[in-house]
C-alpha atoms as a PDB file:
ATOM      1  CA  MET A   1      95.946 143.641  70.590  1.00  0.00           C
ATOM      2  CA  SER A   2      96.062 140.357  72.459  1.00  0.00           C
ATOM      3  CA  LEU A   3      96.939 137.110  70.702  1.00  0.00           C
ATOM      4  CA  ILE A   4      95.168 133.917  71.790  1.00  0.00           C
ATOM      5  CA  GLU A   5      95.997 130.371  70.730  1.00  0.00           C
ATOM      6  CA  CYS A   6      93.343 127.659  70.395  1.00  0.00           C
ATOM      7  CA  ILE A   7      94.178 123.971  69.878  1.00  0.00           C
ATOM      8  CA  PRO A   8      90.946 122.023  69.393  1.00  0.00           C
ATOM      9  CA  ASN A   9      91.110 118.215  69.182  1.00  0.00           C
ATOM     10  CA  PHE A  10      88.493 116.523  67.000  1.00  0.00           C
ATOM     11  CA  SER A  11      87.508 112.860  67.027  1.00  0.00           C
ATOM     12  CA  GLU A  12      88.249 112.177  63.371  1.00  0.00           C
ATOM     13  CA  GLY A  13      91.490 110.799  61.975  1.00  0.00           C
ATOM     14  CA  HIS A  14      90.318 108.877  58.895  1.00  0.00           C
ATOM     15  CA  SER A  15      88.301 111.248  56.709  1.00  0.00           C
ATOM     16  CA  ARG A  16      90.381 114.111  55.330  1.00  0.00           C
ATOM     17  CA  GLU A  17      87.190 115.560  53.851  1.00  0.00           C
ATOM     18  CA  VAL A  18      85.640 115.923  57.312  1.00  0.00           C
ATOM     19  CA  VAL A  19      88.795 117.384  58.860  1.00  0.00           C
ATOM     20  CA  GLU A  20      89.239 119.869  56.015  1.00  0.00           C
ATOM     21  CA  ALA A  21      85.604 120.949  56.395  1.00  0.00           C
ATOM     22  CA  ILE A  22      86.291 121.682  60.068  1.00  0.00           C
ATOM     23  CA  VAL A  23      89.490 123.579  59.223  1.00  0.00           C
ATOM     24  CA  ASP A  24      87.674 125.554  56.505  1.00  0.00           C
ATOM     25  CA  ALA A  25      84.988 126.540  59.031  1.00  0.00           C
ATOM     26  CA  ILE A  26      87.720 127.819  61.352  1.00  0.00           C
ATOM     27  CA  ARG A  27      89.524 129.639  58.533  1.00  0.00           C
ATOM     28  CA  ALA A  28      86.318 131.462  57.608  1.00  0.00           C
ATOM     29  CA  HIS A  29      87.020 133.753  60.563  1.00  0.00           C
ATOM     30  CA  SER A  30      89.887 136.215  60.991  1.00  0.00           C
ATOM     31  CA  VAL A  31      92.372 133.747  62.475  1.00  0.00           C
ATOM     32  CA  HIS A  32      95.620 132.172  61.316  1.00  0.00           C
ATOM     33  CA  VAL A  33      95.578 128.372  61.105  1.00  0.00           C
ATOM     34  CA  LEU A  34      99.163 127.419  61.939  1.00  0.00           C
ATOM     35  CA  ASP A  35      98.926 123.634  61.780  1.00  0.00           C
ATOM     36  CA  PHE A  36      96.619 120.637  61.621  1.00  0.00           C
ATOM     37  CA  SER A  37      97.358 116.930  61.781  1.00  0.00           C
ATOM     38  CA  MET A  38      95.465 113.641  61.573  1.00  0.00           C
ATOM     39  CA  ASP A  39      96.160 110.230  63.113  1.00  0.00           C
ATOM     40  CA  SER A  40      94.137 107.201  62.050  1.00  0.00           C
ATOM     41  CA  ASP A  41      95.030 104.949  65.004  1.00  0.00           C
ATOM     42  CA  HIS A  42      94.144 107.622  67.549  1.00  0.00           C
ATOM     43  CA  ASN A  43      91.278 108.540  65.184  1.00  0.00           C
ATOM     44  CA  ARG A  44      91.888 112.142  66.077  1.00  0.00           C
ATOM     45  CA  SER A  45      92.937 115.423  64.516  1.00  0.00           C
ATOM     46  CA  VAL A  46      94.497 118.486  66.122  1.00  0.00           C
ATOM     47  CA  VAL A  47      94.201 122.035  64.779  1.00  0.00           C
ATOM     48  CA  THR A  48      96.233 125.025  65.966  1.00  0.00           C
ATOM     49  CA  PHE A  49      95.125 128.581  65.218  1.00  0.00           C
ATOM     50  CA  VAL A  50      95.728 132.058  66.639  1.00  0.00           C
ATOM     51  CA  GLY A  51      94.012 135.422  66.557  1.00  0.00           C
ATOM     52  CA  ASP A  52      92.443 138.094  68.703  1.00  0.00           C
ATOM     53  CA  ALA A  53      89.905 137.112  71.352  1.00  0.00           C
ATOM     54  CA  GLN A  54      86.725 137.644  69.330  1.00  0.00           C
ATOM     55  CA  ALA A  55      88.018 135.972  66.176  1.00  0.00           C
ATOM     56  CA  VAL A  56      89.353 132.965  68.088  1.00  0.00           C
ATOM     57  CA  GLU A  57      86.066 132.643  69.975  1.00  0.00           C
ATOM     58  CA  ASP A  58      84.009 132.680  66.764  1.00  0.00           C
ATOM     59  CA  ALA A  59      86.370 130.327  64.937  1.00  0.00           C
ATOM     60  CA  ALA A  60      86.330 127.825  67.794  1.00  0.00           C
ATOM     61  CA  ILE A  61      82.536 127.739  67.819  1.00  0.00           C
ATOM     62  CA  ALA A  62      82.457 127.251  64.040  1.00  0.00           C
ATOM     63  CA  GLY A  63      84.852 124.311  64.327  1.00  0.00           C
ATOM     64  CA  ILE A  64      82.893 122.745  67.192  1.00  0.00           C
ATOM     65  CA  ILE A  65      79.559 122.973  65.363  1.00  0.00           C
ATOM     66  CA  THR A  66      80.986 121.645  62.103  1.00  0.00           C
ATOM     67  CA  ALA A  67      82.502 118.674  63.928  1.00  0.00           C
ATOM     68  CA  ALA A  68      79.234 118.019  65.775  1.00  0.00           C
ATOM     69  CA  GLU A  69      77.342 117.972  62.497  1.00  0.00           C
ATOM     70  CA  ARG A  70      79.761 115.590  60.761  1.00  0.00           C
ATOM     71  CA  ILE A  71      81.120 113.172  63.400  1.00  0.00           C
ATOM     72  CA  ASP A  72      79.101 110.358  64.995  1.00  0.00           C
ATOM     73  CA  LEU A  73      80.573 109.192  68.306  1.00  0.00           C
ATOM     74  CA  ARG A  74      78.280 106.150  68.313  1.00  0.00           C
ATOM     75  CA  THR A  75      80.472 104.525  65.658  1.00  0.00           C
ATOM     76  CA  HIS A  76      83.779 106.176  66.566  1.00  0.00           C
ATOM     77  CA  ARG A  77      86.686 103.887  67.487  1.00  0.00           C
ATOM     78  CA  GLY A  78      90.227 104.931  68.383  1.00  0.00           C
ATOM     79  CA  VAL A  79      92.931 104.451  70.988  1.00  0.00           C
ATOM     80  CA  HIS A  80      92.647 108.004  72.375  1.00  0.00           C
ATOM     81  CA  PRO A  81      90.170 108.877  75.175  1.00  0.00           C
ATOM     82  CA  ARG A  82      87.293 111.109  73.986  1.00  0.00           C
ATOM     83  CA  ILE A  83      83.847 112.347  74.995  1.00  0.00           C
ATOM     84  CA  GLY A  84      82.841 114.264  71.894  1.00  0.00           C
ATOM     85  CA  ALA A  85      83.172 115.022  68.211  1.00  0.00           C
ATOM     86  CA  ALA A  86      84.882 118.264  69.231  1.00  0.00           C
ATOM     87  CA  ASP A  87      86.529 116.566  72.172  1.00  0.00           C
ATOM     88  CA  VAL A  88      88.634 119.240  73.823  1.00  0.00           C
ATOM     89  CA  VAL A  89      89.008 122.955  73.066  1.00  0.00           C
ATOM     90  CA  PRO A  90      91.696 124.774  75.082  1.00  0.00           C
ATOM     91  CA  PHE A  91      92.563 128.475  74.921  1.00  0.00           C
ATOM     92  CA  VAL A  92      96.142 129.596  75.643  1.00  0.00           C
ATOM     93  CA  PRO A  93      97.308 133.193  76.254  1.00  0.00           C
ATOM     94  CA  LEU A  94     100.168 134.330  74.011  1.00  0.00           C
ATOM     95  CA  HIS A  95     101.057 137.990  73.357  1.00  0.00           C
ATOM     96  CA  ASP A  96      99.485 140.651  75.591  1.00  0.00           C
ATOM     97  CA  ALA A  97      96.938 138.159  76.907  1.00  0.00           C
ATOM     98  CA  SER A  98      96.253 136.764  80.358  1.00  0.00           C
ATOM     99  CA  MET A  99      94.991 133.450  81.641  1.00  0.00           C
ATOM    100  CA  GLU A 100      91.944 135.234  83.023  1.00  0.00           C
ATOM    101  CA  GLU A 101      91.115 136.497  79.526  1.00  0.00           C
ATOM    102  CA  CYS A 102      91.268 132.915  78.253  1.00  0.00           C
ATOM    103  CA  VAL A 103      89.056 131.767  81.134  1.00  0.00           C
ATOM    104  CA  GLN A 104      86.453 134.327  80.108  1.00  0.00           C
ATOM    105  CA  ILE A 105      86.675 133.178  76.481  1.00  0.00           C
ATOM    106  CA  ALA A 106      86.194 129.569  77.578  1.00  0.00           C
ATOM    107  CA  HIS A 107      83.058 130.541  79.514  1.00  0.00           C
ATOM    108  CA  ARG A 108      81.605 132.563  76.630  1.00  0.00           C
ATOM    109  CA  VAL A 109      82.311 129.783  74.141  1.00  0.00           C
ATOM    110  CA  GLY A 110      80.923 127.230  76.586  1.00  0.00           C
ATOM    111  CA  LYS A 111      77.662 129.127  76.978  1.00  0.00           C
ATOM    112  CA  ARG A 112      77.224 129.629  73.236  1.00  0.00           C
ATOM    113  CA  VAL A 113      77.968 125.980  72.475  1.00  0.00           C
ATOM    114  CA  GLY A 114      75.654 124.885  75.297  1.00  0.00           C
ATOM    115  CA  ASP A 115      72.871 127.098  73.927  1.00  0.00           C
ATOM    116  CA  TRP A 116      73.452 125.477  70.525  1.00  0.00           C
ATOM    117  CA  GLY A 117      72.728 122.101  72.115  1.00  0.00           C
ATOM    118  CA  LEU A 118      75.945 120.391  73.222  1.00  0.00           C
ATOM    119  CA  PRO A 119      76.820 119.526  76.835  1.00  0.00           C
ATOM    120  CA  VAL A 120      79.916 121.496  77.858  1.00  0.00           C
ATOM    121  CA  TYR A 121      82.436 120.742  80.613  1.00  0.00           C
ATOM    122  CA  LEU A 122      84.909 123.426  81.702  1.00  0.00           C
ATOM    123  CA  TYR A 123      88.400 122.248  82.697  1.00  0.00           C
ATOM    124  CA  GLU A 124      91.842 123.453  83.835  1.00  0.00           C
ATOM    125  CA  ALA A 125      91.867 127.174  84.733  1.00  0.00           C
ATOM    126  CA  ALA A 126      88.281 127.584  83.471  1.00  0.00           C
ATOM    127  CA  ALA A 127      86.875 124.816  85.699  1.00  0.00           C
ATOM    128  CA  GLN A 128      83.939 125.755  87.935  1.00  0.00           C
ATOM    129  CA  ARG A 129      84.427 122.635  90.067  1.00  0.00           C
ATOM    130  CA  PRO A 130      87.863 121.766  91.486  1.00  0.00           C
ATOM    131  CA  GLU A 131      87.491 118.107  90.530  1.00  0.00           C
ATOM    132  CA  ARG A 132      87.159 119.137  86.883  1.00  0.00           C
ATOM    133  CA  ARG A 133      90.482 120.923  86.584  1.00  0.00           C
ATOM    134  CA  ASN A 134      92.035 117.646  85.433  1.00  0.00           C
ATOM    135  CA  LEU A 135      90.880 116.782  81.910  1.00  0.00           C
ATOM    136  CA  ALA A 136      91.256 113.073  82.645  1.00  0.00           C
ATOM    137  CA  ALA A 137      88.543 113.364  85.313  1.00  0.00           C
ATOM    138  CA  VAL A 138      86.196 115.077  82.854  1.00  0.00           C
ATOM    139  CA  ARG A 139      86.765 112.358  80.240  1.00  0.00           C
ATOM    140  CA  ARG A 140      86.585 109.449  82.694  1.00  0.00           C
ATOM    141  CA  GLY A 141      85.087 106.442  80.922  1.00  0.00           C
ATOM    142  CA  GLY A 142      84.829 108.280  77.608  1.00  0.00           C
ATOM    143  CA  TYR A 143      81.714 108.875  75.538  1.00  0.00           C
ATOM    144  CA  GLU A 144      80.203 105.518  76.455  1.00  0.00           C
ATOM    145  CA  ALA A 145      80.334 106.169  80.214  1.00  0.00           C
ATOM    146  CA  LEU A 146      79.044 109.711  79.827  1.00  0.00           C
ATOM    147  CA  VAL A 147      75.961 108.478  77.964  1.00  0.00           C
ATOM    148  CA  ALA A 148      75.046 106.443  81.037  1.00  0.00           C
ATOM    149  CA  GLU A 149      76.166 108.935  83.694  1.00  0.00           C
ATOM    150  CA  ILE A 150      75.330 112.437  82.451  1.00  0.00           C
ATOM    151  CA  ALA A 151      72.046 112.468  84.387  1.00  0.00           C
ATOM    152  CA  LEU A 152      73.965 112.056  87.662  1.00  0.00           C
ATOM    153  CA  PRO A 153      74.512 115.316  89.614  1.00  0.00           C
ATOM    154  CA  GLU A 154      78.299 114.876  89.673  1.00  0.00           C
ATOM    155  CA  ARG A 155      78.364 114.508  85.872  1.00  0.00           C
ATOM    156  CA  ALA A 156      76.020 117.394  85.064  1.00  0.00           C
ATOM    157  CA  PRO A 157      77.508 119.682  82.375  1.00  0.00           C
ATOM    158  CA  ASP A 158      78.502 123.269  83.134  1.00  0.00           C
ATOM    159  CA  TYR A 159      76.549 124.489  80.109  1.00  0.00           C
ATOM    160  CA  GLY A 160      74.071 122.876  77.767  1.00  0.00           C
ATOM    161  CA  PRO A 161      71.669 119.957  78.110  1.00  0.00           C
ATOM    162  CA  ALA A 162      72.234 117.024  80.455  1.00  0.00           C
ATOM    163  CA  GLN A 163      71.788 114.575  77.620  1.00  0.00           C
ATOM    164  CA  ILE A 164      74.136 113.033  75.078  1.00  0.00           C
ATOM    165  CA  GLY A 165      73.560 112.757  71.344  1.00  0.00           C
ATOM    166  CA  ARG A 166      75.678 111.450  68.476  1.00  0.00           C
ATOM    167  CA  ALA A 167      78.159 114.336  68.812  1.00  0.00           C
ATOM    168  CA  GLY A 168      78.786 113.722  72.522  1.00  0.00           C
ATOM    169  CA  ALA A 169      80.013 116.535  74.749  1.00  0.00           C
ATOM    170  CA  VAL A 170      82.888 119.020  74.573  1.00  0.00           C
ATOM    171  CA  ALA A 171      85.520 119.959  77.157  1.00  0.00           C
ATOM    172  CA  ILE A 172      86.459 123.636  76.953  1.00  0.00           C
ATOM    173  CA  GLY A 173      89.283 125.117  78.985  1.00  0.00           C
ATOM    174  CA  ALA A 174      92.055 127.626  79.503  1.00  0.00           C
ATOM    175  CA  ARG A 175      95.599 126.464  80.141  1.00  0.00           C
ATOM    176  CA  ALA A 176      99.315 127.081  79.750  1.00  0.00           C
ATOM    177  CA  PRO A 177     101.176 125.766  76.678  1.00  0.00           C
ATOM    178  CA  LEU A 178     101.177 121.973  76.516  1.00  0.00           C
ATOM    179  CA  ILE A 179     103.616 119.739  74.613  1.00  0.00           C
ATOM    180  CA  ALA A 180     101.926 116.727  73.044  1.00  0.00           C
ATOM    181  CA  PHE A 181     104.355 114.158  71.748  1.00  0.00           C
ATOM    182  CA  ASN A 182     104.658 110.450  71.160  1.00  0.00           C
ATOM    183  CA  VAL A 183     107.626 108.095  71.450  1.00  0.00           C
ATOM    184  CA  PHE A 184     107.788 104.938  69.341  1.00  0.00           C
ATOM    185  CA  LEU A 185     109.457 101.804  70.683  1.00  0.00           C
ATOM    186  CA  ALA A 186     111.225  99.092  68.680  1.00  0.00           C
ATOM    187  CA  SER A 187     108.479  96.664  69.632  1.00  0.00           C
ATOM    188  CA  HIS A 188     105.088  95.380  68.538  1.00  0.00           C
ATOM    189  CA  ASP A 189     104.046  94.852  72.167  1.00  0.00           C
ATOM    190  CA  ALA A 190     101.794  97.624  73.458  1.00  0.00           C
ATOM    191  CA  GLU A 191     102.156  96.245  76.987  1.00  0.00           C
ATOM    192  CA  LEU A 192     105.742  97.520  77.102  1.00  0.00           C
ATOM    193  CA  ALA A 193     104.551 101.031  76.266  1.00  0.00           C
ATOM    194  CA  LYS A 194     101.846 100.762  78.937  1.00  0.00           C
ATOM    195  CA  VAL A 195     104.427  99.750  81.554  1.00  0.00           C
ATOM    196  CA  ILE A 196     106.650 102.717  80.668  1.00  0.00           C
ATOM    197  CA  ALA A 197     103.694 105.127  80.691  1.00  0.00           C
ATOM    198  CA  GLU A 198     102.583 103.963  84.115  1.00  0.00           C
ATOM    199  CA  LYS A 199     106.109 104.344  85.514  1.00  0.00           C
ATOM    200  CA  ILE A 200     106.625 107.921  84.369  1.00  0.00           C
ATOM    201  CA  ARG A 201     103.226 109.647  84.563  1.00  0.00           C
ATOM    202  CA  THR A 202     102.168 111.905  87.418  1.00  0.00           C
ATOM    203  CA  SER A 203      99.082 109.907  88.377  1.00  0.00           C
ATOM    204  CA  SER A 204     101.245 106.847  89.134  1.00  0.00           C
ATOM    205  CA  GLY A 205     103.751 108.785  91.216  1.00  0.00           C
ATOM    206  CA  GLY A 206     106.114 109.530  88.355  1.00  0.00           C
ATOM    207  CA  LEU A 207     107.174 112.879  86.940  1.00  0.00           C
ATOM    208  CA  PRO A 208     105.127 115.987  87.758  1.00  0.00           C
ATOM    209  CA  GLU A 209     102.990 117.592  85.037  1.00  0.00           C
ATOM    210  CA  LEU A 210     103.109 114.521  82.772  1.00  0.00           C
ATOM    211  CA  LYS A 211     100.272 112.473  81.340  1.00  0.00           C
ATOM    212  CA  ALA A 212     101.140 109.267  79.510  1.00  0.00           C
ATOM    213  CA  MET A 213      99.534 106.149  78.096  1.00  0.00           C
ATOM    214  CA  GLY A 214     100.771 103.168  76.113  1.00  0.00           C
ATOM    215  CA  VAL A 215      99.059 102.316  72.827  1.00  0.00           C
ATOM    216  CA  MET A 216      99.644 100.526  69.522  1.00  0.00           C
ATOM    217  CA  VAL A 217      99.979 102.845  66.510  1.00  0.00           C
ATOM    218  CA  GLY A 218     100.801 101.680  63.010  1.00  0.00           C
ATOM    219  CA  GLY A 219     101.815  98.287  64.354  1.00  0.00           C
ATOM    220  CA  ARG A 220     104.341  99.825  66.755  1.00  0.00           C
ATOM    221  CA  ALA A 221     104.211 100.321  70.507  1.00  0.00           C
ATOM    222  CA  GLN A 222     103.869 104.007  71.378  1.00  0.00           C
ATOM    223  CA  VAL A 223     104.171 106.001  74.586  1.00  0.00           C
ATOM    224  CA  SER A 224     101.727 108.858  74.019  1.00  0.00           C
ATOM    225  CA  MET A 225     102.350 111.864  76.286  1.00  0.00           C
ATOM    226  CA  ASN A 226     101.180 115.326  77.249  1.00  0.00           C
ATOM    227  CA  LEU A 227     103.721 117.450  79.100  1.00  0.00           C
ATOM    228  CA  THR A 228     101.447 119.979  80.774  1.00  0.00           C
ATOM    229  CA  ASP A 229     104.185 122.302  82.057  1.00  0.00           C
ATOM    230  CA  TYR A 230     107.675 121.987  80.546  1.00  0.00           C
ATOM    231  CA  ARG A 231     108.921 124.585  83.039  1.00  0.00           C
ATOM    232  CA  VAL A 232     108.288 122.121  85.879  1.00  0.00           C
ATOM    233  CA  THR A 233     109.380 118.930  84.122  1.00  0.00           C
ATOM    234  CA  SER A 234     111.602 119.513  81.108  1.00  0.00           C
ATOM    235  CA  LEU A 235     111.380 117.708  77.811  1.00  0.00           C
ATOM    236  CA  HIS A 236     114.879 116.374  78.440  1.00  0.00           C
ATOM    237  CA  THR A 237     113.796 114.884  81.770  1.00  0.00           C
ATOM    238  CA  VAL A 238     110.829 113.145  80.143  1.00  0.00           C
ATOM    239  CA  MET A 239     112.843 111.682  77.272  1.00  0.00           C
ATOM    240  CA  SER A 240     115.552 110.525  79.664  1.00  0.00           C
ATOM    241  CA  ALA A 241     112.918 108.770  81.769  1.00  0.00           C
ATOM    242  CA  VAL A 242     111.395 107.047  78.735  1.00  0.00           C
ATOM    243  CA  ARG A 243     114.808 105.847  77.577  1.00  0.00           C
ATOM    244  CA  LYS A 244     115.701 104.621  81.070  1.00  0.00           C
ATOM    245  CA  GLU A 245     112.479 102.626  81.480  1.00  0.00           C
ATOM    246  CA  ALA A 246     112.692 101.279  77.929  1.00  0.00           C
ATOM    247  CA  SER A 247     116.270 100.132  78.521  1.00  0.00           C
ATOM    248  CA  ALA A 248     115.201  98.355  81.719  1.00  0.00           C
ATOM    249  CA  LEU A 249     112.647  96.438  79.651  1.00  0.00           C
ATOM    250  CA  GLY A 250     115.220  95.618  76.971  1.00  0.00           C
ATOM    251  CA  VAL A 251     113.565  97.680  74.239  1.00  0.00           C
ATOM    252  CA  ALA A 252     115.008 100.540  72.184  1.00  0.00           C
ATOM    253  CA  VAL A 253     113.486 103.953  71.517  1.00  0.00           C
ATOM    254  CA  LEU A 254     113.107 104.431  67.770  1.00  0.00           C
ATOM    255  CA  GLU A 255     111.845 107.979  67.275  1.00  0.00           C
ATOM    256  CA  SER A 256     109.434 110.571  68.564  1.00  0.00           C
ATOM    257  CA  GLU A 257     106.886 112.898  66.997  1.00  0.00           C
ATOM    258  CA  LEU A 258     105.189 116.170  67.893  1.00  0.00           C
ATOM    259  CA  ILE A 259     101.444 116.653  67.800  1.00  0.00           C
ATOM    260  CA  GLY A 260     100.673 120.300  67.216  1.00  0.00           C
ATOM    261  CA  LEU A 261     103.266 122.968  67.971  1.00  0.00           C
ATOM    262  CA  ILE A 262     105.936 123.349  70.653  1.00  0.00           C
ATOM    263  CA  PRO A 263     107.263 126.474  72.410  1.00  0.00           C
ATOM    264  CA  GLN A 264     110.752 127.386  71.208  1.00  0.00           C
ATOM    265  CA  ALA A 265     111.879 127.758  74.823  1.00  0.00           C
ATOM    266  CA  ALA A 266     111.183 124.068  75.477  1.00  0.00           C
ATOM    267  CA  LEU A 267     113.488 123.016  72.641  1.00  0.00           C
ATOM    268  CA  LEU A 268     116.185 125.446  73.729  1.00  0.00           C
ATOM    269  CA  ASP A 269     115.947 124.129  77.296  1.00  0.00           C
ATOM    270  CA  TYR A 270     116.313 120.588  75.937  1.00  0.00           C
ATOM    271  CA  ALA A 271     119.453 121.546  74.012  1.00  0.00           C
ATOM    272  CA  MET A 272     120.970 123.369  76.986  1.00  0.00           C
ATOM    273  CA  GLU A 273     120.267 120.470  79.353  1.00  0.00           C
ATOM    274  CA  SER A 274     121.553 117.872  76.873  1.00  0.00           C
ATOM    275  CA  LEU A 275     124.832 119.788  76.544  1.00  0.00           C
ATOM    276  CA  GLY A 276     125.164 120.191  80.291  1.00  0.00           C
ATOM    277  CA  PHE A 277     124.965 123.986  80.163  1.00  0.00           C
ATOM    278  CA  PRO A 278     123.530 125.837  83.183  1.00  0.00           C
ATOM    279  CA  LYS A 279     120.287 127.674  82.447  1.00  0.00           C
ATOM    280  CA  THR A 280     122.041 131.028  82.686  1.00  0.00           C
ATOM    281  CA  GLN A 281     123.910 130.138  79.493  1.00  0.00           C
ATOM    282  CA  LYS A 282     120.687 130.752  77.565  1.00  0.00           C
ATOM    283  CA  LEU A 283     121.707 134.413  77.532  1.00  0.00           C
ATOM    284  CA  ARG A 284     124.624 133.389  75.305  1.00  0.00           C
ATOM    285  CA  VAL A 285     122.276 132.416  72.483  1.00  0.00           C
ATOM    286  CA  LEU A 286     122.885 135.034  69.786  1.00  0.00           C
ATOM    287  CA  GLU A 287     119.220 135.749  69.007  1.00  0.00           C
ATOM    288  CA  TYR A 288     118.407 136.155  72.718  1.00  0.00           C
ATOM    289  CA  ALA A 289     121.332 138.551  73.211  1.00  0.00           C
ATOM    290  CA  VAL A 290     120.419 140.628  70.138  1.00  0.00           C
ATOM    291  CA  GLY A 291     116.757 140.714  71.209  1.00  0.00           C
ATOM    292  CA  ALA A 292     117.658 141.806  74.752  1.00  0.00           C
ATOM    293  CA  ALA A 293     119.871 144.594  73.423  1.00  0.00           C
ATOM    294  CA  THR A 294     117.585 145.891  70.660  1.00  0.00           C
ATOM    295  CA  GLY A 295     114.113 144.898  71.795  1.00  0.00           C
ATOM    296  CA  ASP A 296     113.696 143.146  68.425  1.00  0.00           C
ATOM    297  CA  TYR A 297     113.865 139.384  68.844  1.00  0.00           C
ATOM    298  CA  ARG A 298     113.634 137.316  65.690  1.00  0.00           C
ATOM    299  CA  PRO A 299     115.394 134.278  64.170  1.00  0.00           C
ATOM    300  CA  ILE A 300     118.626 135.019  62.289  1.00  0.00           C
ATOM    301  CA  ASN A 301     119.169 133.210  59.008  1.00  0.00           C
ATOM    302  CA  PHE A 302     122.785 132.783  57.955  1.00  0.00           C
ATOM    303  CA  GLU A 303     123.131 132.375  54.197  1.00  0.00           C
END
């Protein structure tokens, strides 16, 4: 049986009641909710769940509809870009699953959500137009711009009506694992975070496979990032770049935080690179060696 991961992002970070209603709607299906988090400054929540294809498909639709019924984008304010109550819904292949399977799930979910009444835009591997592979292009201008532009041919949704209501639209896609994390600076000046973000992100000629923006969160400057392929640009490379640019501006890095979950391999790569080990030394990790020899990889707890 294949195992699919879904990580929907919802435009609500204040009301725990609303977020829990969304999570409960997802849990009503045969999936495992692994994590959910809320952020009031971003005014956003992120849910991570896994299951087989049909269960994940049904759970995603339940979450999208619940969010659409409870979140009003007309009054929504937050520092994170968004076009809808259920803003972005990606599907990621895990065990015995392929990207093509996730693309097909994205299309089925998109059609069902469109038939329900929401405009749907397909992105990343599920995109039907090459210019929509990049999520940033789909969300250009946010909800407010889409209200004015959805009638234009280039902004027509892939599924659903070409009109925007209080719940906005939803971006549905298929992609590889993504690492979402934020770095806090020892500063109350968001401009410093914006300068660092512009220096390091792909769109400004910085590191490949990195999206970044500078915002103010909890009174602190934050570099908010999505590392879209840690195999191309490692977590260590990103953190080193942030520290380098911060140092050049005379500001310290305080701490970082994860949003959602992170592949174990990305953390192991970070440790190996930090210690100066060549990548081949990964085979010297005890659990990897035991798993390779026995076919049974699992963490080992030493008590």
